[in-house]
Amino acid sequence: MNVFYLDRNPKKCAEMHCDKHTCKMIIEYAQLLSTAHRVLDGDPYLDKTKNGRSIKRWRLDKYEDVLYIAHSPNHPSAIWVRQTSNNYSWLYQLWFALCKEYEYRYGREHLTFTKLKYVIGFPPKNIAKGNMTEMPQAMPDHCKMDNPINAYRNYYKIEKKNFAKWTKRQIPNWFLTSVA
C-alpha cells in the first residue's frame, strides 16, 4: 500500500507514474478508496482468514459485491485517505487520472475502472469534511525528506530506478537529476 505523491496536481502525478505503477497502483488506489468506504460507512464483523485467523472486516450491503475488501486499514496511507473529504477526493482524482493514463498508454480501459468508476466517485458518507492533510511518507527512512513530493520523487529515483520506464511519456525531469 502506498500513494505515489509525485506532484500536487493529480493529472500530472498520474502522468509521472512509471509503467509498472500505472498498472499496479490503479488497484492499490481502488483498494484504499474501497477501504475508506468500508471502514467509515460499513458494519464491522469478525471473519476468518484462509488459515483460520480472526480478522476484522466491514460489510457495506449496497456495494458489498463491488468494492474491494478492506485492505490494511491501519496502514498510514489507508488512515490518510479517510481522514478528510479532501484527502479522499484527491486520491480519487489521482485514481481517475491514472485510469485515463492507463488507457492512453495501453489502449484499453482497466478492469478496475470498469468495475468501480460509478461507485467510488463520492467520498464515504461518514468522512470528516476538511482540507487535504500532509501525505504520509510510506518509504524507507533514507528516502524521506521534509517535503513529501520531493520524498516520493527521491524514493522513485533510489528504489524504483531498476524498473522505471514510461511508455508514450517522457521521463520526468526530476527523475533524471541526481538523488538529493
Protein backbone atom coordinates (compact mmCIF):
# COMPACT_ATOMS: atom_id res chain seq x y z
CA MET A 1 0.00 0.00 0.00
CA ASN A 2 1.23 3.45 -0.86
CA VAL A 3 0.29 6.65 -2.63
CA PHE A 4 2.99 7.82 -5.01
CA TYR A 5 2.64 11.56 -4.41
CA LEU A 6 4.83 12.77 -7.29
CA ASP A 7 3.01 16.06 -7.94
CA ARG A 8 0.26 18.06 -6.20
CA ASN A 9 -1.78 18.03 -9.42
CA PRO A 10 -3.41 14.56 -9.68
CA LYS A 11 -3.28 14.50 -13.51
CA LYS A 12 0.42 15.40 -13.60
CA CYS A 13 1.04 12.94 -10.78
CA ALA A 14 -0.61 10.15 -12.83
CA GLU A 15 1.49 11.01 -15.89
CA MET A 16 4.64 10.71 -13.76
CA HIS A 17 3.82 7.17 -12.61
CA CYS A 18 6.10 4.69 -14.36
CA ASP A 19 4.53 1.95 -16.49
CA LYS A 20 4.59 -0.68 -13.75
CA HIS A 21 2.83 1.66 -11.33
CA THR A 22 0.35 2.79 -13.99
CA CYS A 23 -0.92 -0.81 -13.97
CA LYS A 24 -0.42 -1.76 -10.32
CA MET A 25 -1.44 1.40 -8.50
CA ILE A 26 -4.89 1.56 -10.10
CA ILE A 27 -5.72 -1.49 -8.00
CA GLU A 28 -3.97 -0.22 -4.85
CA TYR A 29 -5.65 3.18 -5.02
CA ALA A 30 -9.03 1.46 -5.56
CA GLN A 31 -8.29 -0.72 -2.51
CA LEU A 32 -7.53 2.39 -0.44
CA LEU A 33 -10.72 4.13 -1.60
CA SER A 34 -12.79 0.97 -1.05
CA THR A 35 -11.28 0.55 2.42
CA ALA A 36 -12.28 4.12 3.30
CA HIS A 37 -15.90 3.37 2.35
CA ARG A 38 -15.98 0.10 4.25
CA VAL A 39 -14.34 1.40 7.45
CA LEU A 40 -16.28 4.67 7.61
CA ASP A 41 -19.70 3.52 6.37
CA GLY A 42 -19.73 -0.25 6.82
CA ASP A 43 -20.82 -2.53 9.64
CA PRO A 44 -17.86 -4.27 11.33
CA TYR A 45 -17.81 -8.02 11.89
CA LEU A 46 -15.24 -10.72 12.65
CA ASP A 47 -14.34 -13.13 9.89
CA LYS A 48 -11.72 -15.84 9.42
CA THR A 49 -8.78 -15.77 7.03
CA LYS A 50 -7.96 -18.79 4.87
CA ASN A 51 -5.55 -20.02 7.55
CA GLY A 52 -8.15 -19.64 10.32
CA ARG A 53 -7.05 -16.38 11.97
CA SER A 54 -9.68 -13.86 13.04
CA ILE A 55 -9.83 -10.67 11.01
CA LYS A 56 -11.98 -7.57 11.30
CA ARG A 57 -13.97 -6.79 8.16
CA TRP A 58 -16.69 -4.30 7.25
CA ARG A 59 -19.88 -5.13 5.37
CA LEU A 60 -21.38 -2.44 3.18
CA ASP A 61 -24.56 -4.01 1.82
CA LYS A 62 -25.18 -1.55 -1.00
CA TYR A 63 -21.75 -2.17 -2.56
CA GLU A 64 -20.73 -5.46 -0.96
CA ASP A 65 -20.14 -7.23 -4.27
CA VAL A 66 -18.46 -4.27 -5.98
CA LEU A 67 -15.97 -2.70 -3.56
CA TYR A 68 -12.68 -4.36 -2.77
CA ILE A 69 -12.46 -5.84 0.73
CA ALA A 70 -10.85 -3.61 3.33
CA HIS A 71 -7.10 -3.97 2.98
CA SER A 72 -4.51 -2.86 5.56
CA PRO A 73 -6.84 -0.36 7.28
CA ASN A 74 -4.10 0.69 9.73
CA HIS A 75 -1.51 1.47 7.04
CA PRO A 76 -0.57 5.19 7.08
CA SER A 77 -1.93 5.67 3.52
CA ALA A 78 -5.25 4.00 4.42
CA ILE A 79 -5.58 6.18 7.51
CA TRP A 80 -4.69 9.31 5.50
CA VAL A 81 -7.31 8.72 2.77
CA ARG A 82 -10.16 8.51 5.28
CA GLN A 83 -9.04 11.44 7.48
CA THR A 84 -10.73 14.16 5.42
CA SER A 85 -13.02 14.54 2.43
CA ASN A 86 -10.30 16.40 0.53
CA ASN A 87 -7.78 13.59 1.10
CA TYR A 88 -10.30 11.14 -0.32
CA SER A 89 -11.17 13.43 -3.24
CA TRP A 90 -7.51 13.97 -4.12
CA LEU A 91 -6.81 10.24 -4.20
CA TYR A 92 -9.97 9.63 -6.24
CA GLN A 93 -8.80 12.26 -8.76
CA LEU A 94 -5.40 10.56 -8.93
CA TRP A 95 -7.06 7.15 -9.39
CA PHE A 96 -9.30 8.50 -12.16
CA ALA A 97 -6.37 10.24 -13.90
CA LEU A 98 -4.26 7.08 -13.59
CA CYS A 99 -7.06 5.05 -15.19
CA LYS A 100 -7.11 7.53 -18.09
CA GLU A 101 -3.31 7.36 -18.25
CA TYR A 102 -3.57 3.56 -18.48
CA GLU A 103 -5.99 3.95 -21.42
CA TYR A 104 -3.58 6.38 -23.10
CA ARG A 105 -0.57 4.09 -22.68
CA TYR A 106 -2.20 0.73 -23.38
CA GLY A 107 -5.29 1.49 -25.48
CA ARG A 108 -7.87 -0.14 -23.23
CA GLU A 109 -9.84 0.50 -20.07
CA HIS A 110 -8.51 -1.09 -16.88
CA LEU A 111 -10.97 -3.64 -15.45
CA THR A 112 -10.85 -1.94 -12.03
CA PHE A 113 -12.03 1.30 -13.64
CA THR A 114 -14.87 -0.55 -15.39
CA LYS A 115 -15.91 -2.10 -12.07
CA LEU A 116 -15.65 0.92 -9.76
CA LYS A 117 -15.99 4.11 -11.82
CA TYR A 118 -19.57 4.73 -10.67
CA VAL A 119 -19.09 3.57 -7.09
CA ILE A 120 -16.09 5.36 -5.57
CA GLY A 121 -16.58 8.80 -7.15
CA PHE A 122 -18.10 10.19 -3.97
CA PRO A 123 -16.48 10.23 -0.52
CA PRO A 124 -17.86 7.99 2.23
CA LYS A 125 -20.90 9.46 3.99
CA ASN A 126 -19.16 9.48 7.37
CA ILE A 127 -15.88 11.07 6.33
CA ALA A 128 -14.90 14.29 8.10
CA LYS A 129 -15.09 17.39 5.93
CA GLY A 130 -11.74 19.08 5.73
CA ASN A 131 -8.73 20.24 3.81
CA MET A 132 -6.11 17.92 2.43
CA THR A 133 -3.58 16.93 5.07
CA GLU A 134 0.09 16.13 4.53
CA MET A 135 0.72 12.87 2.71
CA PRO A 136 2.42 10.26 4.91
CA GLN A 137 5.78 9.05 3.67
CA ALA A 138 5.46 5.27 3.49
CA MET A 139 9.01 4.53 2.40
CA PRO A 140 12.44 3.67 3.80
CA ASP A 141 13.89 6.36 6.06
CA HIS A 142 16.82 7.02 3.71
CA CYS A 143 14.35 8.33 1.09
CA LYS A 144 12.35 10.65 3.37
CA MET A 145 12.60 14.43 3.09
CA ASP A 146 10.85 17.47 4.56
CA ASN A 147 8.58 17.81 1.51
CA PRO A 148 6.52 14.67 0.70
CA ILE A 149 6.57 15.32 -3.07
CA ASN A 150 10.37 15.55 -3.04
CA ALA A 151 10.49 12.47 -0.82
CA TYR A 152 8.37 10.39 -3.22
CA ARG A 153 10.44 11.57 -6.17
CA ASN A 154 13.57 10.64 -4.22
CA TYR A 155 12.03 7.25 -3.41
CA TYR A 156 11.37 6.67 -7.11
CA LYS A 157 14.94 7.59 -8.06
CA ILE A 158 16.52 5.40 -5.38
CA GLU A 159 14.20 2.41 -5.06
CA LYS A 160 12.34 2.22 -8.39
CA LYS A 161 15.09 3.09 -10.88
CA ASN A 162 15.72 -0.53 -11.92
CA PHE A 163 12.27 -0.99 -13.46
CA ALA A 164 11.00 2.56 -14.07
CA LYS A 165 10.14 3.31 -17.69
CA TRP A 166 7.48 5.41 -19.34
CA THR A 167 5.51 4.38 -22.46
CA LYS A 168 4.29 7.31 -24.60
CA ARG A 169 5.65 9.72 -21.96
CA GLN A 170 8.96 11.42 -21.48
CA ILE A 171 10.91 10.51 -18.38
CA PRO A 172 10.07 13.16 -15.75
CA ASN A 173 12.84 15.77 -15.47
CA TRP A 174 13.18 15.22 -11.73
CA PHE A 175 13.90 11.51 -12.35
CA LEU A 176 16.95 12.43 -14.44
CA THR A 177 18.53 14.63 -11.76
CA SER A 178 20.83 13.30 -9.07
CA VAL A 179 19.46 11.95 -5.80
CA ALA A 180 19.05 14.58 -3.08
